[in-house]
Structure formats: C-alpha cells, structure tokens
C-alpha cells in the first residue's frame, strides 16, 4: 500500500528500470513484465509514461520480505 509516509520523489536515485530491478531480484525482465499483468503478483512499481515503468529499491525489498516462507507448503 502506498502512503504519504513511504512516497518518494519519482526522480529519487533509488529508482530502477525493469532490467535493473530484475537483476537486483535475480529474476528475468520477462518475469517482472508478466507480474505487472497480474494484480498483486509482483512488487509495486511507478508508471512513468505509456511504455515506461520504474521500481523503487525499497518496494523491491518490501516485496521480498512479504514473500518470505519457511516451506513450500505455506500459503501465499
């Protein structure tokens, strides 16, 4: 959830392209592209224009933390 408390300026140095975010998460760019098509499936992102998105490093870290599991049997 985006709130004023975690809102950052769009030009913050922690903004990453999809390719950079994928590298940071050790995922493929295609995986992040597909996650954006499924609501709630991936990390938060910023729509920068009709064909451009960016990711905040803090949102990537939060998404990883939200998806920690102790076993494969744990629900999503």
N, C-alpha and C. Protein backbone atom coordinates (compact mmCIF):
# COMPACT_ATOMS: atom_id res chain seq x y z
N UNK A 1 0.84 -1.16 0.00
CA UNK A 1 0.00 0.00 0.00
C UNK A 1 0.89 1.24 0.00
N UNK A 2 0.59 2.19 -0.85
CA UNK A 2 1.37 3.41 -0.95
C UNK A 2 0.74 4.47 -0.06
N UNK A 3 1.53 5.05 0.83
CA UNK A 3 1.06 6.11 1.70
C UNK A 3 2.01 7.28 1.58
N UNK A 4 1.61 8.41 2.14
CA UNK A 4 2.49 9.57 2.12
C UNK A 4 3.81 9.28 2.82
N UNK A 5 3.77 8.43 3.84
CA UNK A 5 4.98 8.14 4.60
C UNK A 5 6.04 7.41 3.77
N UNK A 6 5.60 6.57 2.81
CA UNK A 6 6.60 5.85 2.03
C UNK A 6 6.72 6.38 0.61
N UNK A 7 6.07 7.50 0.32
CA UNK A 7 6.17 8.10 -1.01
C UNK A 7 7.54 8.76 -1.17
N UNK A 8 8.18 8.50 -2.28
CA UNK A 8 9.47 9.09 -2.59
C UNK A 8 9.35 9.91 -3.87
N UNK A 9 10.17 10.91 -4.05
CA UNK A 9 10.16 11.62 -5.32
C UNK A 9 10.45 10.66 -6.46
N UNK A 10 9.80 10.87 -7.60
CA UNK A 10 9.97 9.96 -8.73
C UNK A 10 11.40 9.96 -9.25
N UNK A 11 12.13 11.03 -9.06
CA UNK A 11 13.49 11.12 -9.58
C UNK A 11 14.53 10.67 -8.54
N UNK A 12 14.06 10.01 -7.49
CA UNK A 12 14.99 9.56 -6.45
C UNK A 12 16.04 8.62 -7.04
N UNK A 13 17.26 8.66 -6.54
CA UNK A 13 18.32 7.80 -7.07
C UNK A 13 18.04 6.31 -6.88
N UNK A 14 17.08 5.97 -6.03
CA UNK A 14 16.78 4.56 -5.79
C UNK A 14 15.81 3.99 -6.83
N UNK A 15 15.47 4.75 -7.86
CA UNK A 15 14.58 4.26 -8.92
C UNK A 15 15.37 3.37 -9.87
N UNK A 16 14.81 2.20 -10.18
CA UNK A 16 15.46 1.24 -11.06
C UNK A 16 14.60 0.96 -12.28
N UNK A 17 15.22 0.73 -13.40
CA UNK A 17 14.49 0.28 -14.59
C UNK A 17 14.05 -1.16 -14.36
N UNK A 18 13.19 -1.66 -15.23
CA UNK A 18 12.75 -3.05 -15.11
C UNK A 18 13.95 -4.00 -15.19
N UNK A 19 14.86 -3.72 -16.10
CA UNK A 19 16.04 -4.57 -16.25
C UNK A 19 16.90 -4.54 -14.98
N UNK A 20 17.09 -3.36 -14.40
CA UNK A 20 17.88 -3.23 -13.17
C UNK A 20 17.18 -3.92 -12.01
N UNK A 21 15.85 -3.75 -11.92
CA UNK A 21 15.08 -4.38 -10.85
C UNK A 21 15.15 -5.90 -10.96
N UNK A 22 15.04 -6.40 -12.18
CA UNK A 22 15.13 -7.85 -12.39
C UNK A 22 16.50 -8.37 -11.94
N UNK A 23 17.54 -7.66 -12.29
CA UNK A 23 18.89 -8.05 -11.89
C UNK A 23 19.02 -8.02 -10.37
N UNK A 24 18.50 -6.98 -9.73
CA UNK A 24 18.54 -6.84 -8.28
C UNK A 24 17.84 -8.02 -7.60
N UNK A 25 16.71 -8.46 -8.17
CA UNK A 25 15.93 -9.56 -7.59
C UNK A 25 16.38 -10.94 -8.06
N UNK A 26 17.33 -10.97 -8.99
CA UNK A 26 17.80 -12.23 -9.58
C UNK A 26 16.65 -12.93 -10.33
N UNK A 27 15.84 -12.14 -11.03
CA UNK A 27 14.75 -12.62 -11.87
C UNK A 27 15.01 -12.17 -13.30
N UNK A 28 14.24 -12.70 -14.23
CA UNK A 28 14.34 -12.22 -15.60
C UNK A 28 13.45 -10.98 -15.77
N UNK A 29 13.79 -10.15 -16.72
CA UNK A 29 12.96 -8.98 -17.04
C UNK A 29 11.56 -9.45 -17.42
N UNK A 30 11.50 -10.55 -18.15
CA UNK A 30 10.21 -11.11 -18.58
C UNK A 30 9.34 -11.49 -17.38
N UNK A 31 9.95 -12.00 -16.32
CA UNK A 31 9.17 -12.35 -15.12
C UNK A 31 8.52 -11.12 -14.52
N UNK A 32 9.27 -10.02 -14.41
CA UNK A 32 8.67 -8.79 -13.87
C UNK A 32 7.60 -8.26 -14.81
N UNK A 33 7.84 -8.33 -16.12
CA UNK A 33 6.83 -7.88 -17.09
C UNK A 33 5.53 -8.65 -16.90
N UNK A 34 5.63 -9.96 -16.73
CA UNK A 34 4.44 -10.80 -16.56
C UNK A 34 3.75 -10.52 -15.23
N UNK A 35 4.53 -10.28 -14.17
CA UNK A 35 3.94 -9.99 -12.86
C UNK A 35 3.09 -8.72 -12.89
N UNK A 36 3.52 -7.74 -13.70
CA UNK A 36 2.74 -6.50 -13.78
C UNK A 36 1.37 -6.72 -14.39
N UNK A 37 1.19 -7.79 -15.15
CA UNK A 37 -0.09 -8.08 -15.78
C UNK A 37 -1.06 -8.77 -14.82
N UNK A 38 -0.55 -9.27 -13.70
CA UNK A 38 -1.38 -9.97 -12.71
C UNK A 38 -1.45 -9.15 -11.43
N UNK A 39 -2.62 -8.61 -11.10
CA UNK A 39 -2.75 -7.77 -9.90
C UNK A 39 -2.23 -8.47 -8.65
N UNK A 40 -1.37 -7.78 -7.93
CA UNK A 40 -0.83 -8.30 -6.67
C UNK A 40 0.25 -9.35 -6.81
N UNK A 41 0.68 -9.63 -8.03
CA UNK A 41 1.65 -10.71 -8.24
C UNK A 41 3.10 -10.28 -8.06
N UNK A 42 3.40 -9.03 -8.16
CA UNK A 42 4.79 -8.60 -8.09
C UNK A 42 4.96 -7.38 -7.22
N UNK A 43 6.17 -6.84 -7.23
CA UNK A 43 6.45 -5.65 -6.43
C UNK A 43 5.75 -4.41 -6.98
N UNK A 44 5.55 -3.43 -6.12
CA UNK A 44 4.99 -2.15 -6.56
C UNK A 44 5.92 -1.52 -7.58
N UNK A 45 5.35 -0.77 -8.49
CA UNK A 45 6.14 -0.05 -9.50
C UNK A 45 5.50 1.30 -9.77
N UNK A 46 6.24 2.16 -10.42
CA UNK A 46 5.76 3.50 -10.77
C UNK A 46 5.61 3.55 -12.28
N UNK A 47 4.44 3.96 -12.74
CA UNK A 47 4.20 4.12 -14.17
C UNK A 47 4.75 5.50 -14.56
N UNK A 48 5.81 5.51 -15.33
CA UNK A 48 6.49 6.75 -15.70
C UNK A 48 5.96 7.35 -17.00
N UNK A 49 5.23 6.58 -17.76
CA UNK A 49 4.70 7.01 -19.04
C UNK A 49 3.98 5.85 -19.68
N UNK A 50 3.53 6.02 -20.91
CA UNK A 50 2.75 4.96 -21.54
C UNK A 50 3.51 3.64 -21.72
N UNK A 51 4.83 3.69 -21.83
CA UNK A 51 5.61 2.46 -22.06
C UNK A 51 6.81 2.36 -21.14
N UNK A 52 6.76 3.04 -20.00
CA UNK A 52 7.92 3.03 -19.11
C UNK A 52 7.48 2.90 -17.66
N UNK A 53 8.10 1.98 -16.96
CA UNK A 53 7.87 1.83 -15.52
C UNK A 53 9.21 1.85 -14.81
N UNK A 54 9.16 2.10 -13.52
CA UNK A 54 10.37 2.09 -12.69
C UNK A 54 10.00 1.47 -11.35
N UNK A 55 11.00 0.99 -10.67
CA UNK A 55 10.82 0.37 -9.36
C UNK A 55 11.66 1.09 -8.33
N UNK A 56 11.09 1.26 -7.13
CA UNK A 56 11.87 1.79 -6.02
C UNK A 56 12.52 0.62 -5.29
N UNK A 57 13.77 0.76 -4.97
CA UNK A 57 14.51 -0.31 -4.28
C UNK A 57 13.79 -0.71 -2.98
N UNK A 58 13.26 0.24 -2.26
CA UNK A 58 12.55 -0.05 -1.00
C UNK A 58 11.33 -0.94 -1.26
N UNK A 59 10.63 -0.72 -2.38
CA UNK A 59 9.46 -1.55 -2.71
C UNK A 59 9.88 -2.97 -3.09
N UNK A 60 11.02 -3.11 -3.74
CA UNK A 60 11.53 -4.44 -4.07
C UNK A 60 11.89 -5.19 -2.80
N UNK A 61 12.56 -4.51 -1.87
CA UNK A 61 12.93 -5.13 -0.60
C UNK A 61 11.68 -5.52 0.19
N UNK A 62 10.66 -4.65 0.19
CA UNK A 62 9.42 -4.94 0.90
C UNK A 62 8.71 -6.15 0.29
N UNK A 63 8.70 -6.25 -1.03
CA UNK A 63 8.06 -7.38 -1.70
C UNK A 63 8.77 -8.68 -1.34
N UNK A 64 10.08 -8.67 -1.29
CA UNK A 64 10.83 -9.87 -0.88
C UNK A 64 10.46 -10.23 0.55
N UNK A 65 10.43 -9.26 1.44
CA UNK A 65 10.11 -9.52 2.85
C UNK A 65 8.69 -10.08 3.00
N UNK A 66 7.75 -9.56 2.21
CA UNK A 66 6.36 -10.03 2.28
C UNK A 66 6.21 -11.47 1.76
N UNK A 67 7.16 -11.93 0.99
CA UNK A 67 7.06 -13.25 0.37
C UNK A 67 7.98 -14.29 0.99
N UNK A 68 8.53 -13.99 2.17
CA UNK A 68 9.36 -14.98 2.86
C UNK A 68 8.51 -16.16 3.29
N UNK A 69 9.03 -17.37 3.12
CA UNK A 69 8.33 -18.58 3.51
C UNK A 69 9.34 -19.53 4.17
N UNK A 70 8.84 -20.35 5.07
CA UNK A 70 9.69 -21.38 5.72
C UNK A 70 9.62 -22.70 4.96
N UNK A 71 8.54 -22.92 4.21
CA UNK A 71 8.43 -24.16 3.43
C UNK A 71 7.55 -23.88 2.22
N UNK A 72 7.60 -24.77 1.24
CA UNK A 72 6.79 -24.60 0.04
C UNK A 72 5.31 -24.82 0.32
N UNK A 73 4.98 -25.43 1.45
CA UNK A 73 3.59 -25.70 1.79
C UNK A 73 2.87 -24.51 2.40
N UNK A 74 3.58 -23.44 2.72
CA UNK A 74 2.95 -22.26 3.33
C UNK A 74 2.14 -21.52 2.27
N UNK A 75 0.96 -21.08 2.64
CA UNK A 75 0.08 -20.35 1.71
C UNK A 75 0.64 -19.00 1.34
N UNK A 76 0.17 -18.49 0.22
CA UNK A 76 0.65 -17.19 -0.27
C UNK A 76 0.05 -16.04 0.49
